[in-house]
PDB file of all heavy atoms in Angstrom:
ATOM      1  N   GLY A   1    -118.879 -60.481  52.024  1.00  0.00           N
ATOM      2  CA  GLY A   1    -118.018 -61.566  52.467  1.00  0.00           C
ATOM      3  C   GLY A   1    -118.837 -62.725  52.988  1.00  0.00           C
ATOM      4  O   GLY A   1    -119.687 -63.268  52.291  1.00  0.00           O
ATOM      5  N   ALA A   2    -118.568 -63.092  54.233  1.00  0.00           N
ATOM      6  CA  ALA A   2    -119.221 -64.263  54.810  1.00  0.00           C
ATOM      7  C   ALA A   2    -120.683 -63.997  55.166  1.00  0.00           C
ATOM      8  O   ALA A   2    -121.425 -64.934  55.441  1.00  0.00           O
ATOM      9  CB  ALA A   2    -118.469 -64.713  56.068  1.00  0.00           C
ATOM     10  N   PHE A   3    -121.058 -62.722  55.184  1.00  0.00           N
ATOM     11  CA  PHE A   3    -122.432 -62.414  55.584  1.00  0.00           C
ATOM     12  C   PHE A   3    -123.002 -61.381  54.629  1.00  0.00           C
ATOM     13  O   PHE A   3    -122.651 -60.214  54.675  1.00  0.00           O
ATOM     14  CB  PHE A   3    -122.434 -61.871  57.006  1.00  0.00           C
ATOM     15  CG  PHE A   3    -123.821 -61.755  57.585  1.00  0.00           C
ATOM     16  CD1 PHE A   3    -124.452 -62.858  58.121  1.00  0.00           C
ATOM     17  CD2 PHE A   3    -124.493 -60.545  57.566  1.00  0.00           C
ATOM     18  CE1 PHE A   3    -125.712 -62.752  58.656  1.00  0.00           C
ATOM     19  CE2 PHE A   3    -125.761 -60.434  58.085  1.00  0.00           C
ATOM     20  CZ  PHE A   3    -126.377 -61.549  58.643  1.00  0.00           C
ATOM     21  N   SER A   4    -123.897 -61.818  53.775  1.00  0.00           N
ATOM     22  CA  SER A   4    -124.500 -60.922  52.800  1.00  0.00           C
ATOM     23  C   SER A   4    -125.990 -61.185  52.744  1.00  0.00           C
ATOM     24  O   SER A   4    -126.424 -62.331  52.657  1.00  0.00           O
ATOM     25  CB  SER A   4    -123.878 -61.154  51.411  1.00  0.00           C
ATOM     26  OG  SER A   4    -124.491 -60.328  50.447  1.00  0.00           O
ATOM     27  N   PHE A   5    -126.779 -60.107  52.850  1.00  0.00           N
ATOM     28  CA  PHE A   5    -128.220 -60.277  52.781  1.00  0.00           C
ATOM     29  C   PHE A   5    -128.846 -59.017  52.199  1.00  0.00           C
ATOM     30  O   PHE A   5    -128.210 -57.968  52.128  1.00  0.00           O
ATOM     31  CB  PHE A   5    -128.822 -60.592  54.157  1.00  0.00           C
ATOM     32  CG  PHE A   5    -128.641 -59.501  55.167  1.00  0.00           C
ATOM     33  CD1 PHE A   5    -129.604 -58.536  55.350  1.00  0.00           C
ATOM     34  CD2 PHE A   5    -127.490 -59.448  55.948  1.00  0.00           C
ATOM     35  CE1 PHE A   5    -129.448 -57.527  56.286  1.00  0.00           C
ATOM     36  CE2 PHE A   5    -127.320 -58.448  56.884  1.00  0.00           C
ATOM     37  CZ  PHE A   5    -128.301 -57.485  57.056  1.00  0.00           C
ATOM     38  N   ALA A   6    -130.093 -59.167  51.772  1.00  0.00           N
ATOM     39  CA  ALA A   6    -130.826 -58.051  51.173  1.00  0.00           C
ATOM     40  C   ALA A   6    -131.954 -57.626  52.097  1.00  0.00           C
ATOM     41  O   ALA A   6    -132.588 -58.450  52.751  1.00  0.00           O
ATOM     42  CB  ALA A   6    -131.390 -58.450  49.817  1.00  0.00           C
ATOM     43  N   THR A   7    -132.186 -56.319  52.155  1.00  0.00           N
ATOM     44  CA  THR A   7    -133.310 -55.786  52.926  1.00  0.00           C
ATOM     45  C   THR A   7    -134.193 -54.955  52.008  1.00  0.00           C
ATOM     46  O   THR A   7    -133.759 -54.491  50.957  1.00  0.00           O
ATOM     47  CB  THR A   7    -132.831 -54.902  54.088  1.00  0.00           C
ATOM     48  OG1 THR A   7    -132.085 -53.804  53.560  1.00  0.00           O
ATOM     49  CG2 THR A   7    -131.963 -55.687  55.051  1.00  0.00           C
ATOM     50  N   THR A   8    -135.441 -54.804  52.418  1.00  0.00           N
ATOM     51  CA  THR A   8    -136.386 -53.993  51.672  1.00  0.00           C
ATOM     52  C   THR A   8    -136.676 -52.735  52.462  1.00  0.00           C
ATOM     53  O   THR A   8    -136.982 -52.805  53.658  1.00  0.00           O
ATOM     54  CB  THR A   8    -137.702 -54.765  51.440  1.00  0.00           C
ATOM     55  OG1 THR A   8    -137.408 -56.007  50.801  1.00  0.00           O
ATOM     56  CG2 THR A   8    -138.652 -53.968  50.573  1.00  0.00           C
ATOM     57  N   THR A   9    -136.574 -51.590  51.817  1.00  0.00           N
ATOM     58  CA  THR A   9    -136.791 -50.320  52.510  1.00  0.00           C
ATOM     59  C   THR A   9    -137.605 -49.380  51.637  1.00  0.00           C
ATOM     60  O   THR A   9    -137.827 -49.642  50.443  1.00  0.00           O
ATOM     61  CB  THR A   9    -135.442 -49.663  52.876  1.00  0.00           C
ATOM     62  OG1 THR A   9    -135.673 -48.511  53.691  1.00  0.00           O
ATOM     63  CG2 THR A   9    -134.677 -49.242  51.626  1.00  0.00           C
ATOM     64  N   SER A  10    -138.074 -48.289  52.225  1.00  0.00           N
ATOM     65  CA  SER A  10    -138.887 -47.307  51.494  1.00  0.00           C
ATOM     66  C   SER A  10    -138.051 -46.653  50.388  1.00  0.00           C
ATOM     67  O   SER A  10    -136.878 -46.329  50.574  1.00  0.00           O
ATOM     68  CB  SER A  10    -139.400 -46.245  52.468  1.00  0.00           C
ATOM     69  OG  SER A  10    -140.153 -45.276  51.798  1.00  0.00           O
ATOM     70  N   CYS A  11    -138.664 -46.486  49.245  1.00  0.00           N
ATOM     71  CA  CYS A  11    -137.968 -45.898  48.096  1.00  0.00           C
ATOM     72  C   CYS A  11    -137.674 -44.417  48.372  1.00  0.00           C
ATOM     73  O   CYS A  11    -138.605 -43.635  48.633  1.00  0.00           O
ATOM     74  CB  CYS A  11    -138.836 -46.023  46.843  1.00  0.00           C
ATOM     75  SG  CYS A  11    -138.118 -45.215  45.379  1.00  0.00           S
ATOM     76  N   PRO A  12    -136.408 -44.009  48.324  1.00  0.00           N
ATOM     77  CA  PRO A  12    -136.075 -42.608  48.622  1.00  0.00           C
ATOM     78  C   PRO A  12    -136.510 -41.633  47.525  1.00  0.00           C
ATOM     79  O   PRO A  12    -136.729 -40.460  47.799  1.00  0.00           O
ATOM     80  CB  PRO A  12    -134.555 -42.639  48.763  1.00  0.00           C
ATOM     81  CG  PRO A  12    -134.117 -43.811  47.934  1.00  0.00           C
ATOM     82  CD  PRO A  12    -135.206 -44.832  48.062  1.00  0.00           C
ATOM     83  N   LYS A  13    -136.654 -42.117  46.314  1.00  0.00           N
ATOM     84  CA  LYS A  13    -136.995 -41.213  45.208  1.00  0.00           C
ATOM     85  C   LYS A  13    -138.435 -40.715  45.307  1.00  0.00           C
ATOM     86  O   LYS A  13    -138.714 -39.525  45.123  1.00  0.00           O
ATOM     87  CB  LYS A  13    -136.772 -41.905  43.852  1.00  0.00           C
ATOM     88  CG  LYS A  13    -136.937 -40.956  42.650  1.00  0.00           C
ATOM     89  CD  LYS A  13    -136.580 -41.663  41.357  1.00  0.00           C
ATOM     90  CE  LYS A  13    -136.645 -40.700  40.165  1.00  0.00           C
ATOM     91  NZ  LYS A  13    -135.619 -39.622  40.254  1.00  0.00           N
ATOM     92  N   CYS A  14    -139.347 -41.632  45.605  1.00  0.00           N
ATOM     93  CA  CYS A  14    -140.764 -41.259  45.668  1.00  0.00           C
ATOM     94  C   CYS A  14    -141.286 -41.147  47.096  1.00  0.00           C
ATOM     95  O   CYS A  14    -142.468 -40.852  47.314  1.00  0.00           O
ATOM     96  CB  CYS A  14    -141.624 -42.264  44.897  1.00  0.00           C
ATOM     97  SG  CYS A  14    -141.599 -43.936  45.601  1.00  0.00           S
ATOM     98  N   GLY A  15    -140.402 -41.401  48.071  1.00  0.00           N
ATOM     99  CA  GLY A  15    -140.830 -41.333  49.464  1.00  0.00           C
ATOM    100  C   GLY A  15    -141.756 -42.455  49.870  1.00  0.00           C
ATOM    101  O   GLY A  15    -142.485 -42.346  50.856  1.00  0.00           O
ATOM    102  N   GLY A  16    -141.742 -43.553  49.118  1.00  0.00           N
ATOM    103  CA  GLY A  16    -142.579 -44.698  49.449  1.00  0.00           C
ATOM    104  C   GLY A  16    -143.963 -44.655  48.846  1.00  0.00           C
ATOM    105  O   GLY A  16    -144.772 -45.552  49.083  1.00  0.00           O
ATOM    106  N   THR A  17    -144.271 -43.620  48.066  1.00  0.00           N
ATOM    107  CA  THR A  17    -145.616 -43.511  47.486  1.00  0.00           C
ATOM    108  C   THR A  17    -145.764 -44.311  46.198  1.00  0.00           C
ATOM    109  O   THR A  17    -146.878 -44.617  45.775  1.00  0.00           O
ATOM    110  CB  THR A  17    -145.971 -42.044  47.196  1.00  0.00           C
ATOM    111  OG1 THR A  17    -145.060 -41.531  46.208  1.00  0.00           O
ATOM    112  CG2 THR A  17    -145.877 -41.204  48.464  1.00  0.00           C
ATOM    113  N   GLY A  18    -144.647 -44.626  45.556  1.00  0.00           N
ATOM    114  CA  GLY A  18    -144.695 -45.370  44.295  1.00  0.00           C
ATOM    115  C   GLY A  18    -144.984 -44.518  43.085  1.00  0.00           C
ATOM    116  O   GLY A  18    -145.104 -45.037  41.971  1.00  0.00           O
ATOM    117  N   LYS A  19    -145.104 -43.201  43.294  1.00  0.00           N
ATOM    118  CA  LYS A  19    -145.418 -42.332  42.157  1.00  0.00           C
ATOM    119  C   LYS A  19    -144.741 -40.978  42.331  1.00  0.00           C
ATOM    120  O   LYS A  19    -144.379 -40.577  43.441  1.00  0.00           O
ATOM    121  CB  LYS A  19    -146.933 -42.147  42.030  1.00  0.00           C
ATOM    122  CG  LYS A  19    -147.580 -41.535  43.257  1.00  0.00           C
ATOM    123  CD  LYS A  19    -149.088 -41.500  43.145  1.00  0.00           C
ATOM    124  CE  LYS A  19    -149.719 -40.885  44.408  1.00  0.00           C
ATOM    125  NZ  LYS A  19    -151.188 -40.868  44.336  1.00  0.00           N
ATOM    126  N   LEU A  20    -144.584 -40.276  41.213  1.00  0.00           N
ATOM    127  CA  LEU A  20    -143.980 -38.948  41.214  1.00  0.00           C
ATOM    128  C   LEU A  20    -144.987 -37.966  40.613  1.00  0.00           C
ATOM    129  O   LEU A  20    -145.478 -38.172  39.500  1.00  0.00           O
ATOM    130  CB  LEU A  20    -142.687 -38.938  40.394  1.00  0.00           C
ATOM    131  CG  LEU A  20    -141.572 -39.885  40.867  1.00  0.00           C
ATOM    132  CD1 LEU A  20    -140.418 -39.873  39.870  1.00  0.00           C
ATOM    133  CD2 LEU A  20    -141.091 -39.480  42.257  1.00  0.00           C
ATOM    134  N   ILE A  21    -145.297 -36.914  41.366  1.00  0.00           N
ATOM    135  CA  ILE A  21    -146.239 -35.892  40.886  1.00  0.00           C
ATOM    136  C   ILE A  21    -145.432 -34.703  40.373  1.00  0.00           C
ATOM    137  O   ILE A  21    -144.797 -33.989  41.152  1.00  0.00           O
ATOM    138  CB  ILE A  21    -147.191 -35.456  42.012  1.00  0.00           C
ATOM    139  CG1 ILE A  21    -148.015 -36.654  42.499  1.00  0.00           C
ATOM    140  CG2 ILE A  21    -148.104 -34.333  41.536  1.00  0.00           C
ATOM    141  CD1 ILE A  21    -148.931 -36.325  43.665  1.00  0.00           C
ATOM    142  N   HIS A  22    -145.435 -34.487  39.065  1.00  0.00           N
ATOM    143  CA  HIS A  22    -144.668 -33.395  38.461  1.00  0.00           C
ATOM    144  C   HIS A  22    -145.447 -32.082  38.445  1.00  0.00           C
ATOM    145  O   HIS A  22    -144.851 -31.004  38.520  1.00  0.00           O
ATOM    146  CB  HIS A  22    -144.260 -33.780  37.033  1.00  0.00           C
ATOM    147  CG  HIS A  22    -143.377 -34.996  36.982  1.00  0.00           C
ATOM    148  ND1 HIS A  22    -142.101 -35.009  37.484  1.00  0.00           N
ATOM    149  CD2 HIS A  22    -143.613 -36.248  36.489  1.00  0.00           C
ATOM    150  CE1 HIS A  22    -141.562 -36.217  37.300  1.00  0.00           C
ATOM    151  NE2 HIS A  22    -142.463 -36.985  36.705  1.00  0.00           N
ATOM    152  N   THR A  23    -146.775 -32.181  38.349  1.00  0.00           N
ATOM    153  CA  THR A  23    -147.606 -30.972  38.355  1.00  0.00           C
ATOM    154  C   THR A  23    -148.658 -31.126  39.459  1.00  0.00           C
ATOM    155  O   THR A  23    -149.746 -31.654  39.227  1.00  0.00           O
ATOM    156  CB  THR A  23    -148.307 -30.770  36.996  1.00  0.00           C
ATOM    157  OG1 THR A  23    -147.351 -30.857  35.940  1.00  0.00           O
ATOM    158  CG2 THR A  23    -148.996 -29.406  36.951  1.00  0.00           C
ATOM    159  N   PRO A  24    -148.326 -30.702  40.662  1.00  0.00           N
ATOM    160  CA  PRO A  24    -149.258 -30.900  41.784  1.00  0.00           C
ATOM    161  C   PRO A  24    -150.487 -30.006  41.685  1.00  0.00           C
ATOM    162  O   PRO A  24    -150.464 -28.929  41.089  1.00  0.00           O
ATOM    163  CB  PRO A  24    -148.419 -30.529  43.006  1.00  0.00           C
ATOM    164  CG  PRO A  24    -147.370 -29.611  42.489  1.00  0.00           C
ATOM    165  CD  PRO A  24    -147.063 -30.076  41.094  1.00  0.00           C
ATOM    166  N   CYS A  25    -151.547 -30.476  42.267  1.00  0.00           N
ATOM    167  CA  CYS A  25    -152.796 -29.712  42.332  1.00  0.00           C
ATOM    168  C   CYS A  25    -152.555 -28.435  43.145  1.00  0.00           C
ATOM    169  O   CYS A  25    -151.976 -28.476  44.233  1.00  0.00           O
ATOM    170  CB  CYS A  25    -153.877 -30.571  42.987  1.00  0.00           C
ATOM    171  SG  CYS A  25    -155.401 -29.691  43.379  1.00  0.00           S
ATOM    172  N   LYS A  26    -152.993 -27.294  42.625  1.00  0.00           N
ATOM    173  CA  LYS A  26    -152.764 -26.028  43.306  1.00  0.00           C
ATOM    174  C   LYS A  26    -153.650 -25.861  44.537  1.00  0.00           C
ATOM    175  O   LYS A  26    -153.320 -25.106  45.439  1.00  0.00           O
ATOM    176  CB  LYS A  26    -153.002 -24.871  42.335  1.00  0.00           C
ATOM    177  CG  LYS A  26    -151.970 -24.796  41.210  1.00  0.00           C
ATOM    178  CD  LYS A  26    -152.226 -23.593  40.316  1.00  0.00           C
ATOM    179  CE  LYS A  26    -151.182 -23.505  39.199  1.00  0.00           C
ATOM    180  NZ  LYS A  26    -151.424 -22.337  38.317  1.00  0.00           N
ATOM    181  N   THR A  27    -154.759 -26.567  44.556  1.00  0.00           N
ATOM    182  CA  THR A  27    -155.676 -26.431  45.690  1.00  0.00           C
ATOM    183  C   THR A  27    -155.139 -27.121  46.939  1.00  0.00           C
ATOM    184  O   THR A  27    -155.198 -26.577  48.038  1.00  0.00           O
ATOM    185  CB  THR A  27    -157.059 -27.003  45.341  1.00  0.00           C
ATOM    186  OG1 THR A  27    -157.577 -26.312  44.196  1.00  0.00           O
ATOM    187  CG2 THR A  27    -158.024 -26.859  46.504  1.00  0.00           C
ATOM    188  N   CYS A  28    -154.611 -28.329  46.761  1.00  0.00           N
ATOM    189  CA  CYS A  28    -154.129 -29.105  47.915  1.00  0.00           C
ATOM    190  C   CYS A  28    -152.612 -29.226  47.946  1.00  0.00           C
ATOM    191  O   CYS A  28    -152.060 -29.910  48.823  1.00  0.00           O
ATOM    192  CB  CYS A  28    -154.751 -30.494  47.924  1.00  0.00           C
ATOM    193  SG  CYS A  28    -154.275 -31.524  46.500  1.00  0.00           S
ATOM    194  N   ASN A  29    -151.921 -28.592  46.965  1.00  0.00           N
ATOM    195  CA  ASN A  29    -150.452 -28.655  46.877  1.00  0.00           C
ATOM    196  C   ASN A  29    -149.921 -30.077  46.763  1.00  0.00           C
ATOM    197  O   ASN A  29    -148.861 -30.408  47.298  1.00  0.00           O
ATOM    198  CB  ASN A  29    -149.813 -27.958  48.078  1.00  0.00           C
ATOM    199  CG  ASN A  29    -150.105 -26.471  48.109  1.00  0.00           C
ATOM    200  OD1 ASN A  29    -150.086 -25.798  47.075  1.00  0.00           O
ATOM    201  ND2 ASN A  29    -150.416 -25.952  49.293  1.00  0.00           N
ATOM    202  N   GLY A  30    -150.704 -30.931  46.106  1.00  0.00           N
ATOM    203  CA  GLY A  30    -150.257 -32.295  45.864  1.00  0.00           C
ATOM    204  C   GLY A  30    -150.566 -33.266  46.972  1.00  0.00           C
ATOM    205  O   GLY A  30    -150.277 -34.460  46.859  1.00  0.00           O
ATOM    206  N   ALA A  31    -151.176 -32.794  48.058  1.00  0.00           N
ATOM    207  CA  ALA A  31    -151.457 -33.685  49.192  1.00  0.00           C
ATOM    208  C   ALA A  31    -152.652 -34.593  48.931  1.00  0.00           C
ATOM    209  O   ALA A  31    -152.763 -35.674  49.518  1.00  0.00           O
ATOM    210  CB  ALA A  31    -151.715 -32.852  50.446  1.00  0.00           C
ATOM    211  N   GLY A  32    -153.561 -34.175  48.080  1.00  0.00           N
ATOM    212  CA  GLY A  32    -154.759 -34.972  47.810  1.00  0.00           C
ATOM    213  C   GLY A  32    -155.881 -34.702  48.791  1.00  0.00           C
ATOM    214  O   GLY A  32    -156.985 -35.215  48.639  1.00  0.00           O
TER     215      GLY A  32
END
């Protein structure tokens, strides 16, 4: 209506990392 604006927030799909790891490293469990 009279007040509309956009905000930027962390991506919920990737958790803010910008990438998706489908096969994580078994040594570190994907932590790096």
